[in-house]
Amino acid sequence: MTVKDRAAVVENARTIFEQDRRIIESQRPEEIPTDLRDELHLKVPDASGIAYRRLLSGISGATPFMP
C-alpha cells in the first residue's frame, strides 16, 4: 500500500468516525430501571437485558435508574 493509499484510507475512516460521532452524540437514551420488577420481561427475547440488569444491581452505588 502506498503512502497515498494509506492517506486515503485514514481520511475515509476520519469521515466515517465524524459521521458516527454526530449521530452518537445526538442520542439521548432512556433511563432504565436496575430492578427487574419495574418492567415486564420475556425470558428468551429479553435474556441479555435481564443479565445486564442483574449486573447493574450488583454494582455498589448503582442508582435505581441509570442512563
Protein backbone atom coordinates (compact mmCIF):
# COMPACT_ATOMS: atom_id res chain seq x y z
CA MET A 1 0.00 0.00 0.00
CA THR A 2 1.41 3.34 -0.97
CA VAL A 3 1.55 6.41 1.25
CA LYS A 4 -1.17 7.99 -0.90
CA ASP A 5 -3.40 4.92 -0.45
CA ARG A 6 -2.85 4.95 3.31
CA ALA A 7 -3.71 8.64 3.48
CA ALA A 8 -6.94 7.96 1.57
CA VAL A 9 -7.86 5.13 3.97
CA VAL A 10 -7.17 7.34 7.01
CA GLU A 11 -9.23 10.20 5.55
CA ASN A 12 -12.11 7.83 4.78
CA ALA A 13 -12.00 6.48 8.34
CA ARG A 14 -12.00 10.02 9.76
CA THR A 15 -15.04 10.90 7.66
CA ILE A 16 -16.91 7.83 8.90
CA PHE A 17 -15.90 8.45 12.52
CA GLU A 18 -17.10 12.05 12.30
CA GLN A 19 -20.46 10.93 10.90
CA ASP A 20 -20.78 8.35 13.69
CA ARG A 21 -19.76 10.87 16.36
CA ARG A 22 -22.51 13.30 15.36
CA ILE A 23 -25.12 10.53 15.48
CA ILE A 24 -23.92 9.08 18.79
CA GLU A 25 -23.72 12.48 20.49
CA SER A 26 -27.26 13.32 19.39
CA GLN A 27 -28.75 10.28 21.16
CA ARG A 28 -30.49 10.65 24.48
CA PRO A 29 -31.00 7.13 25.84
CA GLU A 30 -33.92 6.49 28.14
CA GLU A 31 -33.19 5.71 31.73
CA ILE A 32 -33.53 2.04 32.50
CA PRO A 33 -34.53 0.56 35.84
CA THR A 34 -31.97 -1.62 37.59
CA ASP A 35 -34.71 -3.50 39.45
CA LEU A 36 -36.18 -6.27 37.27
CA ARG A 37 -39.56 -5.89 39.00
CA ASP A 38 -40.02 -2.46 37.41
CA GLU A 39 -40.53 -3.94 33.94
CA LEU A 40 -42.17 -6.92 32.27
CA HIS A 41 -39.59 -9.29 30.77
CA LEU A 42 -39.93 -12.26 28.45
CA LYS A 43 -37.39 -14.98 29.16
CA VAL A 44 -35.93 -15.61 25.71
CA PRO A 45 -36.03 -12.26 23.88
CA ASP A 46 -35.06 -10.28 26.99
CA ALA A 47 -32.34 -12.59 28.28
CA SER A 48 -29.50 -10.17 27.58
CA GLY A 49 -31.41 -7.27 29.15
CA ILE A 50 -32.15 -9.35 32.23
CA ALA A 51 -28.48 -10.29 32.56
CA TYR A 52 -27.50 -6.63 32.17
CA ARG A 53 -29.94 -5.51 34.89
CA ARG A 54 -28.63 -8.21 37.22
CA LEU A 55 -25.08 -6.99 36.66
CA LEU A 56 -26.16 -3.40 37.34
CA SER A 57 -27.90 -4.41 40.54
CA GLY A 58 -24.65 -5.94 41.79
CA ILE A 59 -22.70 -2.68 41.40
CA SER A 60 -22.40 -0.78 44.63
CA GLY A 61 -23.61 2.78 44.28
CA ALA A 62 -25.87 1.99 41.30
CA THR A 63 -28.92 4.20 41.45
CA PRO A 64 -32.46 2.93 40.75
CA PHE A 65 -32.33 4.45 37.27
CA MET A 66 -29.12 4.62 35.32
CA PRO A 67 -28.69 6.17 31.86
